[in-house]
Structures are given as C-alpha cells and as structure tokens.
C-alpha cells in the first residue's frame, strides 16, 4: 500500500491482490457512530477504477477480487 491522498475525496492507491499490484481509484467515506436513537452508518468504499500497467481492468475483475480490494482499502483507511 503506497501513494495515498487524504480522505473524503477521490483517492488513488496501489494495492496488491494475488501478487499483482493494482492502482485503485476510490472514494472512502467514514461512517457515523451509533447513538441511542440513531442506528449510525458503516464505513463505505466506492471503487471507480482499477488499473494494471495503466490499463483499465475494472470491468474484467471478478467480484471476489473487488471485494478483496474493498476490504484492503477499508483496513487501510479506517483501521490504521
């Protein structure tokens, strides 16, 4: 994980899946805390584009790879 920009706007980062580095453009939004009368909301990630060697591969990636990328981004953004 390298090359990151600050939260709450479109960001770009490099993540590794199956020993392949992918450049991911995404939006990370921090959730709201739960209170007595408000259920709160979870942290969310929206992936806009995934590139490998400057080639957009977003449409050919399987759901399991996109889910893995989302999990990696969530861990980096909110559990660091």
Protein backbone atom coordinates (compact mmCIF):
# COMPACT_ATOMS: atom_id res chain seq x y z
CA UNK A 1 0.00 0.00 0.00
CA UNK A 2 1.53 3.27 -1.12
CA UNK A 3 0.83 6.62 -2.76
CA UNK A 4 -2.22 7.93 -0.87
CA UNK A 5 -4.10 11.21 -0.78
CA UNK A 6 -6.23 12.48 2.14
CA UNK A 7 -9.70 11.09 2.98
CA UNK A 8 -13.17 12.27 1.87
CA UNK A 9 -12.41 12.76 -1.79
CA UNK A 10 -11.44 10.56 -4.71
CA UNK A 11 -8.14 8.90 -3.85
CA UNK A 12 -5.63 6.71 -5.63
CA UNK A 13 -3.66 3.91 -4.03
CA UNK A 14 -1.69 0.85 -5.02
CA UNK A 15 -2.92 -2.45 -3.57
CA UNK A 16 -1.76 -5.99 -4.13
CA UNK A 17 -4.03 -8.92 -4.99
CA UNK A 18 -2.56 -12.35 -5.78
CA UNK A 19 0.94 -10.80 -6.03
CA UNK A 20 -0.28 -8.33 -8.69
CA UNK A 21 -0.09 -4.59 -7.98
CA UNK A 22 -3.25 -2.73 -8.95
CA UNK A 23 -3.72 1.02 -8.94
CA UNK A 24 -7.17 1.75 -7.49
CA UNK A 25 -9.12 4.99 -7.73
CA UNK A 26 -11.73 5.09 -4.95
CA UNK A 27 -13.78 7.18 -2.57
CA UNK A 28 -13.71 6.39 1.14
CA UNK A 29 -16.37 7.73 3.47
CA UNK A 30 -16.25 7.32 7.22
CA UNK A 31 -19.47 6.06 8.78
CA UNK A 32 -21.42 7.77 11.51
CA UNK A 33 -21.43 6.43 15.07
CA UNK A 34 -24.47 4.71 16.52
CA UNK A 35 -26.43 6.51 19.24
CA UNK A 36 -29.45 5.64 21.32
CA UNK A 37 -31.90 6.98 18.74
CA UNK A 38 -29.81 6.75 15.53
CA UNK A 39 -28.55 3.47 14.04
CA UNK A 40 -25.43 5.08 12.54
CA UNK A 41 -23.87 4.06 9.25
CA UNK A 42 -20.92 1.90 8.22
CA UNK A 43 -17.67 3.00 6.61
CA UNK A 44 -18.03 2.77 2.83
CA UNK A 45 -15.73 2.41 -0.15
CA UNK A 46 -16.70 3.10 -3.76
CA UNK A 47 -14.19 1.81 -6.32
CA UNK A 48 -14.23 3.89 -9.51
CA UNK A 49 -11.37 2.39 -11.50
CA UNK A 50 -8.72 -0.31 -11.24
CA UNK A 51 -5.64 -0.16 -13.45
CA UNK A 52 -2.78 -2.54 -14.12
CA UNK A 53 0.14 -1.00 -16.04
CA UNK A 54 -2.11 1.97 -16.97
CA UNK A 55 -4.76 -0.32 -18.50
CA UNK A 56 -8.27 -0.12 -17.03
CA UNK A 57 -9.15 -3.64 -15.85
CA UNK A 58 -12.17 -2.74 -13.70
CA UNK A 59 -14.75 -4.45 -15.91
CA UNK A 60 -12.88 -7.76 -16.16
CA UNK A 61 -12.21 -8.25 -12.44
CA UNK A 62 -14.33 -10.78 -10.57
CA UNK A 63 -16.50 -9.82 -7.62
CA UNK A 64 -14.16 -11.66 -5.23
CA UNK A 65 -11.21 -9.52 -6.32
CA UNK A 66 -13.20 -6.29 -5.99
CA UNK A 67 -14.37 -7.41 -2.54
CA UNK A 68 -10.75 -8.14 -1.55
CA UNK A 69 -9.70 -4.67 -2.75
CA UNK A 70 -12.56 -3.05 -0.79
CA UNK A 71 -11.51 -4.92 2.35
CA UNK A 72 -7.87 -3.84 1.95
CA UNK A 73 -8.93 -0.23 1.45
CA UNK A 74 -11.26 -0.30 4.48
CA UNK A 75 -8.46 -1.70 6.64
CA UNK A 76 -6.00 0.91 5.42
CA UNK A 77 -8.35 3.89 5.70
CA UNK A 78 -10.12 3.14 8.97
CA UNK A 79 -8.03 0.67 10.96
CA UNK A 80 -4.64 2.36 10.61
